[in-house]
Protein backbone atom coordinates (compact mmCIF):
# COMPACT_ATOMS: atom_id res chain seq x y z
CA UNK A 1 10.12 -14.89 -9.43
CA UNK A 2 11.45 -12.78 -12.32
CA UNK A 3 13.96 -15.46 -13.22
CA UNK A 4 11.33 -18.18 -13.44
CA UNK A 5 9.12 -15.86 -15.48
CA UNK A 6 11.91 -15.20 -17.99
CA UNK A 7 12.86 -18.87 -18.16
CA UNK A 8 9.25 -19.91 -18.86
CA UNK A 9 8.86 -17.38 -21.64
CA UNK A 10 12.22 -18.31 -23.16
CA UNK A 11 11.40 -22.01 -23.13
CA UNK A 12 7.88 -21.43 -24.50
CA UNK A 13 9.42 -19.44 -27.37
CA UNK A 14 11.91 -22.25 -28.01
CA UNK A 15 14.90 -20.00 -27.44
CA UNK A 16 18.23 -21.03 -25.97
CA UNK A 17 19.92 -19.05 -23.22
CA UNK A 18 22.74 -18.22 -25.61
CA UNK A 19 20.25 -16.68 -28.06
CA UNK A 20 18.82 -14.45 -25.34
CA UNK A 21 22.34 -13.56 -24.22
CA UNK A 22 23.39 -12.63 -27.74
CA UNK A 23 20.31 -10.45 -28.19
CA UNK A 24 21.04 -8.62 -24.91
CA UNK A 25 24.78 -8.54 -25.63
CA UNK A 26 25.65 -10.32 -22.38
CA UNK A 27 27.19 -13.70 -21.71
CA UNK A 28 25.16 -16.89 -21.39
CA UNK A 29 26.21 -17.34 -17.76
CA UNK A 30 24.48 -14.05 -16.91
CA UNK A 31 21.19 -15.29 -18.39
CA UNK A 32 21.56 -18.54 -16.50
CA UNK A 33 22.08 -16.64 -13.25
CA UNK A 34 19.03 -14.46 -13.92
CA UNK A 35 16.91 -17.56 -14.48
CA UNK A 36 18.18 -19.06 -11.20
CA UNK A 37 17.49 -15.76 -9.39
CA UNK A 38 21.18 -15.35 -8.58
CA UNK A 39 21.48 -12.08 -10.54
CA UNK A 40 19.04 -9.41 -11.52
CA UNK A 41 18.51 -8.08 -14.99
CA UNK A 42 19.13 -4.40 -15.46
CA UNK A 43 16.12 -2.21 -16.14
CA UNK A 44 17.85 -1.40 -19.44
CA UNK A 45 17.43 -5.05 -20.45
CA UNK A 46 13.65 -5.00 -20.05
CA UNK A 47 12.72 -3.28 -23.35
CA UNK A 48 14.94 -5.70 -25.25
CA UNK A 49 13.45 -8.71 -23.45
CA UNK A 50 10.00 -7.36 -24.28
CA UNK A 51 10.97 -7.11 -27.93
CA UNK A 52 12.61 -10.54 -28.07
CA UNK A 53 9.78 -12.35 -26.29
CA UNK A 54 7.01 -10.29 -27.92
CA UNK A 55 5.57 -9.50 -24.48
CA UNK A 56 4.47 -6.06 -23.33
CA UNK A 57 7.16 -4.13 -21.55
CA UNK A 58 4.72 -3.32 -18.74
CA UNK A 59 4.24 -7.06 -18.11
CA UNK A 60 7.99 -7.64 -17.86
CA UNK A 61 8.43 -4.57 -15.63
CA UNK A 62 5.64 -5.82 -13.34
CA UNK A 63 7.50 -9.08 -12.66
CA UNK A 64 10.88 -7.33 -12.42
CA UNK A 65 9.62 -4.81 -9.86
CA UNK A 66 7.68 -7.43 -7.90
CA UNK A 67 10.93 -9.35 -7.60
CA UNK A 68 12.70 -6.22 -6.35
CA UNK A 69 10.02 -5.61 -3.72
CA UNK A 70 10.16 -9.22 -2.59
CA UNK A 71 13.95 -9.05 -2.24
CA UNK A 72 13.58 -6.07 0.09
CA UNK A 73 10.96 -7.65 2.36
CA UNK A 74 11.77 -11.37 2.08
CA UNK A 75 13.49 -11.59 5.46
CA UNK A 76 10.81 -9.66 7.33
CA UNK A 77 8.29 -11.42 9.55
CA UNK A 78 5.43 -9.12 8.54
CA UNK A 79 5.71 -9.40 4.75
CA UNK A 80 1.98 -9.28 4.05
CA UNK A 81 1.37 -6.43 6.45
CA UNK A 82 4.18 -4.46 4.83
CA UNK A 83 2.63 -5.00 1.41
CA UNK A 84 -0.78 -3.92 2.69
CA UNK A 85 0.67 -0.66 4.05
CA UNK A 86 2.43 -0.04 0.74
CA UNK A 87 -0.79 -0.81 -1.16
CA UNK A 88 -2.68 1.75 0.93
CA UNK A 89 -0.02 4.34 0.14
CA UNK A 90 -0.21 3.61 -3.58
CA UNK A 91 -4.01 3.89 -3.54
CA UNK A 92 -3.85 7.14 -1.55
CA UNK A 93 -1.29 8.65 -3.94
CA UNK A 94 -3.37 7.64 -6.96
CA UNK A 95 -6.39 9.47 -5.54
CA UNK A 96 -4.46 12.63 -4.68
CA UNK A 97 -2.70 12.81 -8.04
CA UNK A 98 -5.94 12.93 -10.03
């Protein structure tokens, strides 16, 4: 999910993997693995990706975190039910924190 998102942005911007890698100060193989969902970007990389791609950091974080959540529940039979329970908790906590 996150990998495909990053790859689409990179390609739409006309950037090569090696250019992204140089900007993040990592090797090109690491970017390739991120795009194939074999590795995960560090949260520290997200502000730099936001800057490079001229995309809001919150948008990049949204995809990064969604990918993390999916990795945790991907092998579970009740994926949607789990997400619904989590959504209820988020909504409840938003109400009580106001």
